[in-house]
C-alpha atoms as a PDB file:
ATOM      1  CA  MET A   1     -24.588   5.206  13.944  1.00  0.00           C
ATOM      2  CA  SER A   2     -22.626   5.238  17.210  1.00  0.00           C
ATOM      3  CA  PRO A   3     -18.829   4.868  17.248  1.00  0.00           C
ATOM      4  CA  ASP A   4     -19.302   1.245  18.345  1.00  0.00           C
ATOM      5  CA  HIS A   5     -21.572   0.599  15.347  1.00  0.00           C
ATOM      6  CA  PRO A   6     -19.887   2.356  12.400  1.00  0.00           C
ATOM      7  CA  PRO A   7     -21.514   2.406   8.937  1.00  0.00           C
ATOM      8  CA  GLY A   8     -20.868  -0.697   6.874  1.00  0.00           C
ATOM      9  CA  LEU A   9     -20.371  -2.978   9.884  1.00  0.00           C
ATOM     10  CA  ASP A  10     -23.438  -4.853  11.153  1.00  0.00           C
ATOM     11  CA  LEU A  11     -22.087  -6.385  14.350  1.00  0.00           C
ATOM     12  CA  ASP A  12     -25.131  -8.572  14.971  1.00  0.00           C
ATOM     13  CA  ARG A  13     -24.863 -10.233  11.571  1.00  0.00           C
ATOM     14  CA  LEU A  14     -21.101 -10.504  11.926  1.00  0.00           C
ATOM     15  CA  ARG A  15     -21.538 -12.249  15.295  1.00  0.00           C
ATOM     16  CA  VAL A  16     -23.991 -14.755  13.811  1.00  0.00           C
ATOM     17  CA  LEU A  17     -21.526 -15.535  11.005  1.00  0.00           C
ATOM     18  CA  LEU A  18     -18.549 -15.949  13.337  1.00  0.00           C
ATOM     19  CA  ASP A  19     -20.508 -18.174  15.728  1.00  0.00           C
ATOM     20  CA  ARG A  20     -21.513 -20.376  12.817  1.00  0.00           C
ATOM     21  CA  GLU A  21     -18.161 -20.502  10.966  1.00  0.00           C
ATOM     22  CA  ARG A  22     -15.753 -20.218  13.925  1.00  0.00           C
ATOM     23  CA  PRO A  23     -17.602 -21.605  16.958  1.00  0.00           C
ATOM     24  CA  GLY A  24     -16.113 -20.463  20.260  1.00  0.00           C
ATOM     25  CA  LEU A  25     -14.034 -17.673  18.719  1.00  0.00           C
ATOM     26  CA  VAL A  26     -16.199 -14.854  20.088  1.00  0.00           C
ATOM     27  CA  THR A  27     -16.883 -14.926  23.826  1.00  0.00           C
ATOM     28  CA  GLY A  28     -18.740 -11.644  24.431  1.00  0.00           C
ATOM     29  CA  PRO A  29     -20.726  -8.830  22.788  1.00  0.00           C
ATOM     30  CA  LEU A  30     -18.973  -7.285  19.804  1.00  0.00           C
ATOM     31  CA  SER A  31     -18.025  -3.644  19.473  1.00  0.00           C
ATOM     32  CA  GLY A  32     -16.346  -2.042  16.489  1.00  0.00           C
ATOM     33  CA  ARG A  33     -14.699   1.144  15.258  1.00  0.00           C
ATOM     34  CA  LEU A  34     -13.496   2.405  11.926  1.00  0.00           C
ATOM     35  CA  ILE A  35      -9.702   2.562  11.649  1.00  0.00           C
ATOM     36  CA  GLU A  36      -8.829   5.874  10.019  1.00  0.00           C
ATOM     37  CA  GLY A  37      -6.033   6.170   7.516  1.00  0.00           C
ATOM     38  CA  GLY A  38      -7.385   7.119   4.113  1.00  0.00           C
ATOM     39  CA  ARG A  39      -7.319   3.686   2.524  1.00  0.00           C
ATOM     40  CA  SER A  40      -9.752   2.988  -0.292  1.00  0.00           C
ATOM     41  CA  ASN A  41     -11.081  -0.104   1.467  1.00  0.00           C
ATOM     42  CA  LEU A  42     -12.767   0.249   4.850  1.00  0.00           C
ATOM     43  CA  THR A  43     -10.972  -1.241   7.847  1.00  0.00           C
ATOM     44  CA  TYR A  44     -12.586  -1.834  11.244  1.00  0.00           C
ATOM     45  CA  ALA A  45     -11.249  -2.996  14.595  1.00  0.00           C
ATOM     46  CA  VAL A  46     -13.685  -5.398  16.279  1.00  0.00           C
ATOM     47  CA  SER A  47     -13.527  -6.698  19.855  1.00  0.00           C
ATOM     48  CA  ASP A  48     -15.488  -8.971  22.175  1.00  0.00           C
ATOM     49  CA  GLY A  49     -13.774  -7.462  25.219  1.00  0.00           C
ATOM     50  CA  ALA A  50     -11.191 -10.249  25.383  1.00  0.00           C
ATOM     51  CA  ALA A  51      -9.812 -10.491  21.845  1.00  0.00           C
ATOM     52  CA  ARG A  52      -9.595  -8.228  18.805  1.00  0.00           C
ATOM     53  CA  TRP A  53      -9.900  -8.740  15.068  1.00  0.00           C
ATOM     54  CA  VAL A  54      -9.884  -6.613  11.927  1.00  0.00           C
ATOM     55  CA  VAL A  55     -12.605  -6.545   9.274  1.00  0.00           C
ATOM     56  CA  ARG A  56     -11.825  -5.355   5.724  1.00  0.00           C
ATOM     57  CA  ARG A  57     -14.552  -4.526   3.216  1.00  0.00           C
ATOM     58  CA  PRO A  58     -15.004  -2.358   0.078  1.00  0.00           C
ATOM     59  CA  PRO A  59     -16.166   1.268   0.335  1.00  0.00           C
ATOM     60  CA  LEU A  60     -19.848   1.862   0.994  1.00  0.00           C
ATOM     61  CA  GLY A  61     -21.889   1.873  -2.177  1.00  0.00           C
ATOM     62  CA  HIS A  62     -19.012   0.654  -4.338  1.00  0.00           C
ATOM     63  CA  VAL A  63     -20.153  -1.729  -7.069  1.00  0.00           C
ATOM     64  CA  LEU A  64     -16.950  -2.550  -8.981  1.00  0.00           C
ATOM     65  CA  ALA A  65     -15.883  -5.607  -7.024  1.00  0.00           C
ATOM     66  CA  THR A  66     -12.806  -6.151  -9.208  1.00  0.00           C
ATOM     67  CA  ALA A  67     -11.300  -2.909  -7.893  1.00  0.00           C
ATOM     68  CA  HIS A  68     -11.802  -3.897  -4.243  1.00  0.00           C
ATOM     69  CA  ASP A  69     -11.375  -7.656  -4.383  1.00  0.00           C
ATOM     70  CA  MET A  70     -11.633  -9.057  -0.874  1.00  0.00           C
ATOM     71  CA  ARG A  71     -11.042 -12.605  -2.070  1.00  0.00           C
ATOM     72  CA  ARG A  72      -7.720 -11.502  -3.560  1.00  0.00           C
ATOM     73  CA  GLU A  73      -6.518  -9.786  -0.392  1.00  0.00           C
ATOM     74  CA  HIS A  74      -7.593 -12.747   1.737  1.00  0.00           C
ATOM     75  CA  ARG A  75      -5.918 -15.166  -0.636  1.00  0.00           C
ATOM     76  CA  VAL A  76      -2.518 -13.479  -0.553  1.00  0.00           C
ATOM     77  CA  ILE A  77      -2.329 -13.136   3.240  1.00  0.00           C
ATOM     78  CA  SER A  78      -3.526 -16.743   3.597  1.00  0.00           C
ATOM     79  CA  ALA A  79      -0.764 -17.882   1.254  1.00  0.00           C
ATOM     80  CA  LEU A  80       1.935 -15.790   2.931  1.00  0.00           C
ATOM     81  CA  HIS A  81       0.992 -16.441   6.559  1.00  0.00           C
ATOM     82  CA  PRO A  82       2.833 -19.820   6.696  1.00  0.00           C
ATOM     83  CA  THR A  83       5.991 -18.151   5.324  1.00  0.00           C
ATOM     84  CA  ASP A  84       8.399 -15.787   7.083  1.00  0.00           C
ATOM     85  CA  VAL A  85       6.611 -12.758   5.606  1.00  0.00           C
ATOM     86  CA  PRO A  86       4.827 -10.961   8.475  1.00  0.00           C
ATOM     87  CA  VAL A  87       1.098 -10.769   7.715  1.00  0.00           C
ATOM     88  CA  PRO A  88      -1.936 -10.965   9.992  1.00  0.00           C
ATOM     89  CA  ARG A  89      -3.434 -14.404  10.533  1.00  0.00           C
ATOM     90  CA  PRO A  90      -6.552 -14.750   8.352  1.00  0.00           C
ATOM     91  CA  VAL A  91      -9.751 -15.804  10.150  1.00  0.00           C
ATOM     92  CA  LEU A  92     -12.365 -16.110   7.400  1.00  0.00           C
ATOM     93  CA  LEU A  93     -13.572 -14.781   4.057  1.00  0.00           C
ATOM     94  CA  CYS A  94     -17.263 -14.008   3.532  1.00  0.00           C
ATOM     95  CA  GLU A  95     -18.514 -13.510  -0.022  1.00  0.00           C
ATOM     96  CA  ASP A  96     -22.187 -13.340   0.982  1.00  0.00           C
ATOM     97  CA  ASP A  97     -23.408  -9.756   0.478  1.00  0.00           C
ATOM     98  CA  GLU A  98     -26.287 -10.400   2.875  1.00  0.00           C
ATOM     99  CA  VAL A  99     -24.022 -10.139   5.924  1.00  0.00           C
ATOM    100  CA  LEU A 100     -22.425  -6.689   5.527  1.00  0.00           C
ATOM    101  CA  GLY A 101     -23.690  -5.622   2.114  1.00  0.00           C
ATOM    102  CA  ALA A 102     -20.435  -6.570   0.372  1.00  0.00           C
ATOM    103  CA  PRO A 103     -17.789  -9.306   0.493  1.00  0.00           C
ATOM    104  CA  PHE A 104     -15.350  -8.949   3.407  1.00  0.00           C
ATOM    105  CA  TYR A 105     -12.752 -10.820   5.378  1.00  0.00           C
ATOM    106  CA  VAL A 106     -11.673 -11.049   8.995  1.00  0.00           C
ATOM    107  CA  MET A 107      -8.081 -11.282  10.217  1.00  0.00           C
ATOM    108  CA  GLU A 108      -6.287 -11.065  13.510  1.00  0.00           C
ATOM    109  CA  PHE A 109      -5.566  -7.670  15.069  1.00  0.00           C
ATOM    110  CA  VAL A 110      -1.832  -6.949  15.173  1.00  0.00           C
ATOM    111  CA  GLU A 111      -0.417  -4.403  17.609  1.00  0.00           C
ATOM    112  CA  GLY A 112       1.881  -1.871  16.016  1.00  0.00           C
ATOM    113  CA  THR A 113       2.278   1.627  14.605  1.00  0.00           C
ATOM    114  CA  PRO A 114       2.089   2.688  10.937  1.00  0.00           C
ATOM    115  CA  PHE A 115       4.507   5.627  10.746  1.00  0.00           C
ATOM    116  CA  ARG A 116       3.141   8.040   8.146  1.00  0.00           C
ATOM    117  CA  THR A 117       5.250  11.164   8.565  1.00  0.00           C
ATOM    118  CA  ALA A 118       8.727  12.300   9.561  1.00  0.00           C
ATOM    119  CA  GLU A 119       7.175  13.977  12.591  1.00  0.00           C
ATOM    120  CA  GLN A 120       5.765  10.664  13.797  1.00  0.00           C
ATOM    121  CA  LEU A 121       9.134   8.974  13.334  1.00  0.00           C
ATOM    122  CA  ALA A 122      11.153  11.693  15.065  1.00  0.00           C
ATOM    123  CA  PRO A 123      10.460  10.536  18.668  1.00  0.00           C
ATOM    124  CA  LEU A 124      12.142   7.202  17.865  1.00  0.00           C
ATOM    125  CA  GLY A 125      15.448   9.000  17.458  1.00  0.00           C
ATOM    126  CA  PRO A 126      17.956   8.620  14.617  1.00  0.00           C
ATOM    127  CA  GLU A 127      19.241   5.126  15.484  1.00  0.00           C
ATOM    128  CA  ARG A 128      15.832   3.503  15.865  1.00  0.00           C
ATOM    129  CA  THR A 129      14.515   5.289  12.784  1.00  0.00           C
ATOM    130  CA  ARG A 130      17.452   4.086  10.712  1.00  0.00           C
ATOM    131  CA  ALA A 131      17.042   0.505  11.919  1.00  0.00           C
ATOM    132  CA  ALA A 132      13.293   0.505  11.260  1.00  0.00           C
ATOM    133  CA  VAL A 133      13.663   1.734   7.683  1.00  0.00           C
ATOM    134  CA  LEU A 134      16.483  -0.721   6.927  1.00  0.00           C
ATOM    135  CA  ASN A 135      14.292  -3.485   8.333  1.00  0.00           C
ATOM    136  CA  LEU A 136      11.614  -2.365   5.887  1.00  0.00           C
ATOM    137  CA  VAL A 137      14.043  -3.163   3.069  1.00  0.00           C
ATOM    138  CA  ASP A 138      14.959  -6.535   4.573  1.00  0.00           C
ATOM    139  CA  THR A 139      11.277  -7.446   4.893  1.00  0.00           C
ATOM    140  CA  LEU A 140      10.745  -6.558   1.241  1.00  0.00           C
ATOM    141  CA  VAL A 141      13.643  -8.839   0.307  1.00  0.00           C
ATOM    142  CA  GLY A 142      11.905 -11.602   2.255  1.00  0.00           C
ATOM    143  CA  LEU A 143       8.627 -11.040   0.434  1.00  0.00           C
ATOM    144  CA  HIS A 144      10.340 -11.180  -2.949  1.00  0.00           C
ATOM    145  CA  ALA A 145      12.129 -14.383  -1.950  1.00  0.00           C
ATOM    146  CA  VAL A 146       8.844 -16.298  -1.622  1.00  0.00           C
ATOM    147  CA  ASP A 147       8.353 -18.810  -4.431  1.00  0.00           C
ATOM    148  CA  PRO A 148       4.875 -18.008  -5.801  1.00  0.00           C
ATOM    149  CA  ALA A 149       4.267 -21.589  -6.891  1.00  0.00           C
ATOM    150  CA  GLU A 150       5.244 -23.051  -3.523  1.00  0.00           C
ATOM    151  CA  ALA A 151       2.959 -20.532  -1.803  1.00  0.00           C
ATOM    152  CA  GLY A 152       0.044 -21.442  -4.048  1.00  0.00           C
ATOM    153  CA  LEU A 153       0.143 -18.145  -5.926  1.00  0.00           C
ATOM    154  CA  ALA A 154       1.380 -19.275  -9.334  1.00  0.00           C
ATOM    155  CA  ASP A 155      -1.747 -17.890 -10.993  1.00  0.00           C
ATOM    156  CA  PHE A 156      -1.986 -14.729  -8.875  1.00  0.00           C
ATOM    157  CA  GLY A 157      -1.100 -12.391 -11.750  1.00  0.00           C
ATOM    158  CA  ARG A 158       0.132 -12.066 -15.338  1.00  0.00           C
ATOM    159  CA  PRO A 159       3.822 -11.189 -15.115  1.00  0.00           C
ATOM    160  CA  ASP A 160       4.387 -11.234 -18.895  1.00  0.00           C
ATOM    161  CA  GLY A 161       4.170  -7.656 -20.143  1.00  0.00           C
ATOM    162  CA  PHE A 162       3.683  -6.406 -16.583  1.00  0.00           C
ATOM    163  CA  LEU A 163       5.511  -3.080 -16.921  1.00  0.00           C
ATOM    164  CA  ASP A 164       3.908  -2.218 -20.235  1.00  0.00           C
ATOM    165  CA  ARG A 165       0.438  -2.859 -18.805  1.00  0.00           C
ATOM    166  CA  GLN A 166       1.229  -0.810 -15.709  1.00  0.00           C
ATOM    167  CA  LEU A 167       2.367   2.138 -17.811  1.00  0.00           C
ATOM    168  CA  ARG A 168      -0.728   1.957 -20.029  1.00  0.00           C
ATOM    169  CA  ARG A 169      -3.007   1.622 -17.003  1.00  0.00           C
ATOM    170  CA  TRP A 170      -1.722   4.793 -15.347  1.00  0.00           C
ATOM    171  CA  ALA A 171      -1.709   6.728 -18.622  1.00  0.00           C
ATOM    172  CA  LYS A 172      -5.380   5.800 -18.997  1.00  0.00           C
ATOM    173  CA  GLN A 173      -6.017   7.025 -15.444  1.00  0.00           C
ATOM    174  CA  LEU A 174      -4.328  10.302 -16.326  1.00  0.00           C
ATOM    175  CA  ASP A 175      -6.471  10.782 -19.418  1.00  0.00           C
ATOM    176  CA  ALA A 176      -9.585  10.294 -17.287  1.00  0.00           C
ATOM    177  CA  SER A 177      -8.511  13.187 -15.023  1.00  0.00           C
ATOM    178  CA  ARG A 178      -7.196  15.729 -17.545  1.00  0.00           C
ATOM    179  CA  ASN A 179      -8.703  19.183 -17.199  1.00  0.00           C
ATOM    180  CA  ARG A 180      -5.559  21.352 -17.230  1.00  0.00           C
ATOM    181  CA  ASP A 181      -2.126  21.484 -18.829  1.00  0.00           C
ATOM    182  CA  LEU A 182       0.591  19.652 -16.910  1.00  0.00           C
ATOM    183  CA  ALA A 183       4.018  20.553 -18.228  1.00  0.00           C
ATOM    184  CA  GLY A 184       6.294  17.554 -18.568  1.00  0.00           C
ATOM    185  CA  ILE A 185       3.899  14.743 -17.793  1.00  0.00           C
ATOM    186  CA  ASP A 186       3.558  13.565 -21.401  1.00  0.00           C
ATOM    187  CA  GLU A 187       7.345  13.733 -21.751  1.00  0.00           C
ATOM    188  CA  LEU A 188       7.733  11.659 -18.581  1.00  0.00           C
ATOM    189  CA  HIS A 189       5.259   9.053 -19.803  1.00  0.00           C
ATOM    190  CA  ALA A 190       6.817   8.876 -23.270  1.00  0.00           C
ATOM    191  CA  THR A 191      10.353   8.505 -21.893  1.00  0.00           C
ATOM    192  CA  LEU A 192       9.257   5.739 -19.554  1.00  0.00           C
ATOM    193  CA  GLY A 193       7.689   3.956 -22.524  1.00  0.00           C
ATOM    194  CA  ARG A 194      10.824   4.261 -24.673  1.00  0.00           C
ATOM    195  CA  GLU A 195      13.144   3.009 -21.937  1.00  0.00           C
ATOM    196  CA  LEU A 196      11.050   0.095 -20.636  1.00  0.00           C
ATOM    197  CA  PRO A 197      13.477  -2.242 -18.794  1.00  0.00           C
ATOM    198  CA  ARG A 198      13.577  -6.006 -18.992  1.00  0.00           C
ATOM    199  CA  SER A 199      12.002  -7.367 -15.836  1.00  0.00           C
ATOM    200  CA  PRO A 200      13.711  -9.931 -13.601  1.00  0.00           C
ATOM    201  CA  ALA A 201      11.953 -13.154 -12.650  1.00  0.00           C
ATOM    202  CA  PRO A 202       8.478 -12.337 -11.285  1.00  0.00           C
ATOM    203  CA  THR A 203       7.683 -12.376  -7.594  1.00  0.00           C
ATOM    204  CA  VAL A 204       4.763 -11.529  -5.371  1.00  0.00           C
ATOM    205  CA  VAL A 205       4.569  -7.727  -5.570  1.00  0.00           C
ATOM    206  CA  HIS A 206       2.884  -5.732  -2.811  1.00  0.00           C
ATOM    207  CA  GLY A 207       2.139  -2.783  -5.059  1.00  0.00           C
ATOM    208  CA  ASP A 208       2.060  -0.074  -2.373  1.00  0.00           C
ATOM    209  CA  TYR A 209       5.061  -0.894  -0.195  1.00  0.00           C
ATOM    210  CA  ARG A 210       6.030   1.889   2.195  1.00  0.00           C
ATOM    211  CA  LEU A 211       6.531   2.571   5.878  1.00  0.00           C
ATOM    212  CA  ASP A 212       2.930   3.438   6.693  1.00  0.00           C
ATOM    213  CA  ASN A 213       1.689   0.173   5.200  1.00  0.00           C
ATOM    214  CA  VAL A 214       3.486  -1.878   7.844  1.00  0.00           C
ATOM    215  CA  LEU A 215       2.969  -2.129  11.589  1.00  0.00           C
ATOM    216  CA  ILE A 216       6.087  -1.607  13.712  1.00  0.00           C
ATOM    217  CA  GLY A 217       6.138  -2.656  17.352  1.00  0.00           C
ATOM    218  CA  GLY A 218       7.883  -4.545  20.114  1.00  0.00           C
ATOM    219  CA  GLU A 219      11.110  -3.740  21.928  1.00  0.00           C
ATOM    220  CA  ASP A 220      13.156  -4.137  18.737  1.00  0.00           C
ATOM    221  CA  ASP A 221      10.825  -2.071  16.520  1.00  0.00           C
ATOM    222  CA  GLU A 222      10.210  -5.152  14.421  1.00  0.00           C
ATOM    223  CA  ILE A 223       7.860  -5.186  11.455  1.00  0.00           C
ATOM    224  CA  ARG A 224       4.950  -7.144  12.866  1.00  0.00           C
ATOM    225  CA  ALA A 225       2.686  -7.084   9.805  1.00  0.00           C
ATOM    226  CA  ILE A 226       2.519  -5.853   6.224  1.00  0.00           C
ATOM    227  CA  LEU A 227      -0.937  -4.423   5.505  1.00  0.00           C
ATOM    228  CA  ASP A 228      -3.044  -3.242   2.546  1.00  0.00           C
ATOM    229  CA  TRP A 229      -2.535  -5.929  -0.079  1.00  0.00           C
ATOM    230  CA  GLU A 230      -5.233  -4.634  -2.441  1.00  0.00           C
ATOM    231  CA  MET A 231      -2.707  -3.866  -5.228  1.00  0.00           C
ATOM    232  CA  SER A 232      -0.693  -7.072  -4.857  1.00  0.00           C
ATOM    233  CA  THR A 233      -0.032  -9.320  -7.830  1.00  0.00           C
ATOM    234  CA  LEU A 234       2.728 -11.287  -9.566  1.00  0.00           C
ATOM    235  CA  GLY A 235       5.068  -8.947 -11.360  1.00  0.00           C
ATOM    236  CA  ASP A 236       8.343  -7.083 -11.395  1.00  0.00           C
ATOM    237  CA  PRO A 237       9.773  -6.865  -7.841  1.00  0.00           C
ATOM    238  CA  LEU A 238      11.701  -3.694  -8.637  1.00  0.00           C
ATOM    239  CA  THR A 239       8.419  -1.754  -8.826  1.00  0.00           C
ATOM    240  CA  ASP A 240       8.167  -2.210  -5.047  1.00  0.00           C
ATOM    241  CA  LEU A 241      11.763  -1.024  -4.628  1.00  0.00           C
ATOM    242  CA  GLY A 242      11.225   2.014  -6.844  1.00  0.00           C
ATOM    243  CA  LEU A 243       8.139   3.018  -4.869  1.00  0.00           C
ATOM    244  CA  LEU A 244      10.025   2.630  -1.588  1.00  0.00           C
ATOM    245  CA  ALA A 245      12.860   4.793  -2.945  1.00  0.00           C
ATOM    246  CA  MET A 246      10.351   7.446  -4.004  1.00  0.00           C
ATOM    247  CA  TYR A 247       8.701   7.540  -0.588  1.00  0.00           C
ATOM    248  CA  SER A 248      12.160   7.867   0.966  1.00  0.00           C
ATOM    249  CA  SER A 249      12.994  10.981  -1.070  1.00  0.00           C
ATOM    250  CA  PRO A 250      12.467  14.540   0.243  1.00  0.00           C
ATOM    251  CA  LEU A 251       9.738  16.434  -1.590  1.00  0.00           C
ATOM    252  CA  GLY A 252      11.231  19.833  -0.855  1.00  0.00           C
ATOM    253  CA  MET A 253       7.822  21.272  -0.007  1.00  0.00           C
ATOM    254  CA  PRO A 254       7.269  22.421   3.587  1.00  0.00           C
ATOM    255  CA  ASP A 255       3.772  21.773   4.965  1.00  0.00           C
ATOM    256  CA  SER A 256       2.913  19.518   2.030  1.00  0.00           C
ATOM    257  CA  PRO A 257      -0.447  17.717   2.333  1.00  0.00           C
ATOM    258  CA  VAL A 258       1.343  14.606   1.043  1.00  0.00           C
ATOM    259  CA  SER A 259       4.513  13.791   2.926  1.00  0.00           C
ATOM    260  CA  THR A 260       7.318  11.278   2.899  1.00  0.00           C
ATOM    261  CA  THR A 261       9.280  10.125   5.941  1.00  0.00           C
ATOM    262  CA  ALA A 262      12.595  11.171   4.393  1.00  0.00           C
ATOM    263  CA  GLN A 263      13.216  14.166   6.650  1.00  0.00           C
ATOM    264  CA  ALA A 264      13.132  12.165   9.891  1.00  0.00           C
ATOM    265  CA  PRO A 265      16.527  12.251  11.654  1.00  0.00           C
ATOM    266  CA  GLY A 266      18.406   9.035  10.898  1.00  0.00           C
ATOM    267  CA  HIS A 267      16.300   8.087   7.857  1.00  0.00           C
ATOM    268  CA  PRO A 268      18.551   6.351   5.288  1.00  0.00           C
ATOM    269  CA  ALA A 269      18.828   7.916   1.857  1.00  0.00           C
ATOM    270  CA  PRO A 270      17.230   6.114  -1.122  1.00  0.00           C
ATOM    271  CA  ALA A 271      20.664   5.108  -2.449  1.00  0.00           C
ATOM    272  CA  GLU A 272      21.427   3.212   0.754  1.00  0.00           C
ATOM    273  CA  LEU A 273      18.069   1.436   0.668  1.00  0.00           C
ATOM    274  CA  ILE A 274      18.616   0.420  -2.942  1.00  0.00           C
ATOM    275  CA  GLU A 275      22.131  -0.844  -2.207  1.00  0.00           C
ATOM    276  CA  ARG A 276      20.914  -2.835   0.790  1.00  0.00           C
ATOM    277  CA  TYR A 277      18.178  -4.421  -1.314  1.00  0.00           C
ATOM    278  CA  ALA A 278      20.690  -5.315  -4.038  1.00  0.00           C
ATOM    279  CA  THR A 279      23.110  -6.859  -1.556  1.00  0.00           C
ATOM    280  CA  ARG A 280      20.504  -8.894   0.304  1.00  0.00           C
ATOM    281  CA  SER A 281      18.422  -9.985  -2.701  1.00  0.00           C
ATOM    282  CA  GLY A 282      21.199 -10.550  -5.217  1.00  0.00           C
ATOM    283  CA  ARG A 283      19.148  -8.757  -7.886  1.00  0.00           C
ATOM    284  CA  ASP A 284      20.568  -6.373 -10.456  1.00  0.00           C
ATOM    285  CA  VAL A 285      19.265  -2.907  -9.547  1.00  0.00           C
ATOM    286  CA  SER A 286      21.236  -0.941 -12.120  1.00  0.00           C
ATOM    287  CA  GLY A 287      17.983   0.138 -13.790  1.00  0.00           C
ATOM    288  CA  VAL A 288      16.242   1.230 -10.590  1.00  0.00           C
ATOM    289  CA  ALA A 289      16.045   4.850 -11.779  1.00  0.00           C
ATOM    290  CA  TRP A 290      13.322   3.815 -14.242  1.00  0.00           C
ATOM    291  CA  TYR A 291      11.291   2.194 -11.473  1.00  0.00           C
ATOM    292  CA  THR A 292      11.669   5.208  -9.192  1.00  0.00           C
ATOM    293  CA  ALA A 293      10.664   7.573 -12.010  1.00  0.00           C
ATOM    294  CA  PHE A 294       7.663   5.367 -12.710  1.00  0.00           C
ATOM    295  CA  ALA A 295       6.679   5.657  -9.046  1.00  0.00           C
ATOM    296  CA  TRP A 296       6.841   9.461  -9.317  1.00  0.00           C
ATOM    297  CA  PHE A 297       4.670   9.271 -12.449  1.00  0.00           C
ATOM    298  CA  LYS A 298       2.118   6.970 -10.815  1.00  0.00           C
ATOM    299  CA  LEU A 299       1.789   9.195  -7.764  1.00  0.00           C
ATOM    300  CA  ALA A 300       1.489  12.277  -9.974  1.00  0.00           C
ATOM    301  CA  VAL A 301      -1.437  10.613 -11.744  1.00  0.00           C
ATOM    302  CA  ILE A 302      -3.068   9.631  -8.451  1.00  0.00           C
ATOM    303  CA  LEU A 303      -2.702  13.165  -7.081  1.00  0.00           C
ATOM    304  CA  GLU A 304      -4.028  14.688 -10.290  1.00  0.00           C
ATOM    305  CA  GLY A 305      -7.082  12.459  -9.977  1.00  0.00           C
ATOM    306  CA  ILE A 306      -7.648  13.743  -6.450  1.00  0.00           C
ATOM    307  CA  HIS A 307      -7.203  17.334  -7.650  1.00  0.00           C
ATOM    308  CA  TYR A 308      -9.622  16.727 -10.526  1.00  0.00           C
ATOM    309  CA  ARG A 309     -12.301  15.419  -8.175  1.00  0.00           C
ATOM    310  CA  TYR A 310     -11.668  18.376  -5.867  1.00  0.00           C
ATOM    311  CA  THR A 311     -12.279  20.850  -8.717  1.00  0.00           C
ATOM    312  CA  LEU A 312     -15.604  19.102  -9.369  1.00  0.00           C
ATOM    313  CA  GLY A 313     -16.591  19.380  -5.712  1.00  0.00           C
ATOM    314  CA  GLN A 314     -16.447  15.606  -5.255  1.00  0.00           C
ATOM    315  CA  THR A 315     -13.691  15.610  -2.626  1.00  0.00           C
ATOM    316  CA  VAL A 316     -13.699  17.731   0.494  1.00  0.00           C
ATOM    317  CA  GLY A 317     -11.427  17.936   3.495  1.00  0.00           C
ATOM    318  CA  ARG A 318      -8.286  19.523   4.846  1.00  0.00           C
ATOM    319  CA  GLY A 319      -5.382  19.803   2.418  1.00  0.00           C
ATOM    320  CA  PHE A 320      -7.236  18.834  -0.760  1.00  0.00           C
ATOM    321  CA  ASP A 321      -7.054  22.426  -2.024  1.00  0.00           C
ATOM    322  CA  ARG A 322      -3.236  22.108  -2.162  1.00  0.00           C
ATOM    323  CA  ILE A 323      -2.977  18.693  -3.813  1.00  0.00           C
ATOM    324  CA  GLY A 324      -2.925  20.247  -7.277  1.00  0.00           C
ATOM    325  CA  ASP A 325       0.243  22.181  -6.457  1.00  0.00           C
ATOM    326  CA  LEU A 326       2.032  18.928  -5.692  1.00  0.00           C
ATOM    327  CA  VAL A 327       1.523  17.318  -9.099  1.00  0.00           C
ATOM    328  CA  PRO A 328       4.166  19.395 -10.966  1.00  0.00           C
ATOM    329  CA  VAL A 329       6.634  18.599  -8.163  1.00  0.00           C
ATOM    330  CA  PHE A 330       6.151  14.858  -8.675  1.00  0.00           C
ATOM    331  CA  ILE A 331       6.472  15.244 -12.447  1.00  0.00           C
ATOM    332  CA  GLU A 332       9.728  17.179 -12.046  1.00  0.00           C
ATOM    333  CA  HIS A 333      11.124  14.547  -9.676  1.00  0.00           C
ATOM    334  CA  GLY A 334      10.274  11.851 -12.209  1.00  0.00           C
ATOM    335  CA  LEU A 335      11.989  13.653 -15.082  1.00  0.00           C
ATOM    336  CA  THR A 336      15.051  14.457 -12.967  1.00  0.00           C
ATOM    337  CA  THR A 337      15.333  10.836 -11.821  1.00  0.00           C
ATOM    338  CA  LEU A 338      15.384   9.622 -15.433  1.00  0.00           C
ATOM    339  CA  GLN A 339      17.898  12.276 -16.489  1.00  0.00           C
ATOM    340  CA  LYS A 340      20.285  11.469 -13.671  1.00  0.00           C
ATOM    341  CA  GLY A 341      19.838   7.717 -14.056  1.00  0.00           C
END
């Protein structure tokens, strides 16, 4: 298909649906392009020449709808849009497979940049980089301040036993990808299980909160939208903080195929981000080391899964041959984080 007609996006059928469900919204012929970025769900930018929207759908050929639940993503941004949490305005949800071959939803297009690497952040300069990352913390505090019941999300997850289920889920993922010895990973998992913290009151949890999952733009480098809500649920808010702290930590591996933004000049250290969150949210973060170690464990499992598929010839592309070397680094970071507390 041409770049204006990417796979998985039938623009003619989409136009018919939009004209029927949102009369007058589209004023010209539609064009579309796939937005790159490595997300598991497919994201397209669509335009009629005057306005732009975004379409989100599951991967092509994917049949496990529960793992790529468009209704869930649409529900959470619809619930949060009236609040102060920056999310794109939802346009419509379509659960009819006849339109695009899978359920999908449409939302407004938000201008902004998802900063994925320290190199991308560097041109902002130290002061702007520092302000942007601190604003990321403040936005997370705002998300966790939303009352799930008032937002209509009281039944959005099962917060009881949340951490235990998370730990078991990722251990199961690890077992499904085991084809080599990984020193320390069983010790890391066992220690996390023995030291399971008591969760604070549940909140809406993003589940993958980091700098490249938000759009930054405008003269003040404001966070204009939080994206990629596919892992969101009701649960322990400190899991979001621990993941943010992990992604703000240097890996110590030059030319790594998986990078954090930590090395950008002006980037605040994890300790400062944690302290800012504690001050602004009022939550006790004394046990945040567990949550950060859990984030290291989860990412180690994800990377090992990628490495496993690479060894089977199921994943190709630049950098995948070096993913396996990263897994021991993540395991070591997790163990060290627990030891240091």
